[in-house]
Amino acid sequence: MEVSEVRRRVRAAIEAARRSAQDRRVRTDQAVREYEQFLLERAVPLFHTFAGALNAEGHRFKVYTPADSVRLSLDTAADDYIEVILDDTVDPPVVMGRTNRGRGRRQVTSERPVRETAGSVADVTDEDVLEFLASEIGPFVER
């Protein structure tokens, strides 16, 4: 194979990688903006409402808002929590739900998308978040 052909393909691959990286940065920046709005307008208020309902049922939970997430935590064990975060390591970025529970000395952590078929962060609804919370709360309240 000719050296000029190899160099042409290398340059084309480098240029394609640069364009792809730039496009990904644009998508990630857009997702971060949508996620900030999602947290403020939908997720945080819903977490507070959910915690209030749990507290009314006799289960003590608090809501925390660490950087770029919202967390529902047991009042007595801060390491036991359900939270929503933005996973921007994948393309396109995804709103992820994370659950962490202590089992004796070890911690069990699981993650899954809040909405499996979301095309963008803006597609995640209040209902999706409520469904996620309701599906994950069982082990925390069964004791």
Protein backbone atom coordinates (compact mmCIF):
# COMPACT_ATOMS: atom_id res chain seq x y z
CA MET A 1 0.00 0.00 0.00
CA GLU A 2 1.22 3.47 -0.81
CA VAL A 3 2.49 5.67 2.03
CA SER A 4 0.44 8.57 0.67
CA GLU A 5 -2.76 6.49 0.93
CA VAL A 6 -1.95 5.50 4.54
CA ARG A 7 -1.27 9.13 5.46
CA ARG A 8 -4.51 10.25 3.79
CA ARG A 9 -6.50 7.71 5.82
CA VAL A 10 -4.72 8.66 9.03
CA ARG A 11 -5.52 12.35 8.47
CA ALA A 12 -9.16 11.50 7.69
CA ALA A 13 -9.43 9.38 10.85
CA ILE A 14 -7.93 12.18 12.97
CA GLU A 15 -10.31 14.74 11.50
CA ALA A 16 -13.31 12.45 12.03
CA ALA A 17 -12.27 11.90 15.66
CA ARG A 18 -11.96 15.67 16.23
CA ARG A 19 -15.40 16.32 14.73
CA SER A 20 -16.91 13.52 16.78
CA ALA A 21 -15.35 14.85 20.00
CA GLN A 22 -16.58 18.37 19.28
CA ASP A 23 -20.10 17.11 18.55
CA ARG A 24 -20.04 15.08 21.78
CA ARG A 25 -18.97 18.14 23.81
CA VAL A 26 -21.88 20.11 22.35
CA ARG A 27 -24.34 17.30 23.24
CA THR A 28 -22.88 17.02 26.75
CA ASP A 29 -23.08 20.79 27.34
CA GLN A 30 -26.72 20.78 26.23
CA ALA A 31 -27.48 17.81 28.50
CA VAL A 32 -25.85 19.54 31.48
CA ARG A 33 -28.03 22.63 30.94
CA GLU A 34 -31.16 20.47 30.62
CA TYR A 35 -30.16 18.48 33.72
CA GLU A 36 -29.73 21.62 35.85
CA GLN A 37 -33.24 22.70 34.87
CA PHE A 38 -34.54 19.15 35.46
CA LEU A 39 -33.09 19.14 38.99
CA LEU A 40 -34.49 22.53 39.95
CA GLU A 41 -37.94 22.19 38.42
CA ARG A 42 -38.76 18.48 38.72
CA ALA A 43 -36.41 16.19 40.63
CA VAL A 44 -35.72 18.20 43.81
CA PRO A 45 -39.38 19.14 44.44
CA LEU A 46 -40.46 15.55 43.79
CA PHE A 47 -37.82 14.18 46.17
CA HIS A 48 -39.05 16.59 48.87
CA THR A 49 -42.66 15.51 48.31
CA PHE A 50 -41.66 11.84 48.38
CA ALA A 51 -39.70 12.35 51.62
CA GLY A 52 -42.67 14.15 53.15
CA ALA A 53 -44.95 11.23 52.29
CA LEU A 54 -42.46 8.76 53.78
CA ASN A 55 -42.13 10.84 56.94
CA ALA A 56 -45.92 10.95 57.26
CA GLU A 57 -45.88 7.14 57.16
CA GLY A 58 -43.33 7.01 59.98
CA HIS A 59 -40.17 6.52 57.91
CA ARG A 60 -37.58 9.23 58.62
CA PHE A 61 -35.89 10.45 55.42
CA LYS A 62 -34.11 13.64 54.46
CA VAL A 63 -33.36 15.21 51.08
CA TYR A 64 -29.89 16.48 50.27
CA THR A 65 -28.70 18.28 47.19
CA PRO A 66 -24.99 17.63 46.84
CA ALA A 67 -23.30 19.02 43.73
CA ASP A 68 -25.29 18.14 40.61
CA SER A 69 -27.55 15.57 42.22
CA VAL A 70 -30.46 15.06 44.58
CA ARG A 71 -30.37 12.42 47.32
CA LEU A 72 -33.02 10.83 49.53
CA SER A 73 -31.27 9.48 52.60
CA LEU A 74 -32.31 7.65 55.72
CA ASP A 75 -32.33 10.01 58.69
CA THR A 76 -30.38 7.49 60.78
CA ALA A 77 -27.91 6.24 58.13
CA ALA A 78 -26.56 8.76 55.64
CA ASP A 79 -24.82 5.99 53.69
CA ASP A 80 -28.19 4.48 52.78
CA TYR A 81 -29.65 6.58 49.99
CA ILE A 82 -31.37 6.85 46.64
CA GLU A 83 -30.09 9.56 44.31
CA VAL A 84 -30.38 10.91 40.79
CA ILE A 85 -27.27 11.98 38.89
CA LEU A 86 -26.26 12.83 35.33
CA ASP A 87 -23.93 10.29 33.73
CA ASP A 88 -22.06 12.33 31.15
CA THR A 89 -19.47 9.62 30.50
CA VAL A 90 -21.79 8.05 27.94
CA ASP A 91 -23.00 9.54 24.68
CA PRO A 92 -25.68 10.81 24.89
CA PRO A 93 -25.63 11.65 28.62
CA VAL A 94 -28.23 9.81 30.72
CA VAL A 95 -30.09 10.62 33.94
CA MET A 96 -29.08 7.76 36.24
CA GLY A 97 -30.58 6.55 39.47
CA ARG A 98 -28.19 5.23 42.09
CA THR A 99 -29.12 3.28 45.20
CA ASN A 100 -26.66 2.59 48.02
CA ARG A 101 -27.50 0.37 50.99
CA GLY A 102 -25.43 -0.98 53.83
CA ARG A 103 -25.50 -4.72 54.40
CA GLY A 104 -23.51 -5.37 57.50
CA ARG A 105 -20.01 -4.13 56.80
CA ARG A 106 -20.35 -3.89 53.05
CA GLN A 107 -22.11 -1.39 50.83
CA VAL A 108 -24.30 -2.51 47.93
CA THR A 109 -24.61 0.04 45.14
CA SER A 110 -26.75 -0.26 42.02
CA GLU A 111 -27.27 2.10 39.11
CA ARG A 112 -29.77 2.24 36.29
CA PRO A 113 -31.22 4.85 33.97
CA VAL A 114 -34.23 6.63 35.44
CA ARG A 115 -35.88 6.31 32.04
CA GLU A 116 -34.69 3.54 29.74
CA THR A 117 -35.82 5.11 26.46
CA ALA A 118 -35.06 8.78 27.08
CA GLY A 119 -33.66 10.48 24.01
CA SER A 120 -32.43 13.42 26.06
CA VAL A 121 -32.44 14.68 29.62
CA ALA A 122 -35.46 16.84 28.82
CA ASP A 123 -37.47 13.66 28.05
CA VAL A 124 -37.28 12.46 31.67
CA THR A 125 -40.61 13.22 33.36
CA ASP A 126 -41.84 13.55 36.94
CA GLU A 127 -43.57 10.21 36.48
CA ASP A 128 -40.25 8.57 35.52
CA VAL A 129 -38.61 9.90 38.68
CA LEU A 130 -41.56 8.87 40.86
CA GLU A 131 -41.55 5.39 39.34
CA PHE A 132 -37.81 5.08 40.02
CA LEU A 133 -38.20 6.21 43.64
CA ALA A 134 -41.17 3.90 44.25
CA SER A 135 -39.32 0.91 42.78
CA GLU A 136 -36.18 1.53 44.87
CA ILE A 137 -37.68 2.46 48.26
CA GLY A 138 -38.79 -1.06 49.25
CA PRO A 139 -35.59 -2.29 50.94
CA PHE A 140 -35.34 0.94 52.96
CA VAL A 141 -38.83 0.70 54.49
CA GLU A 142 -39.29 -3.06 54.92
CA ARG A 143 -37.35 -3.20 58.19
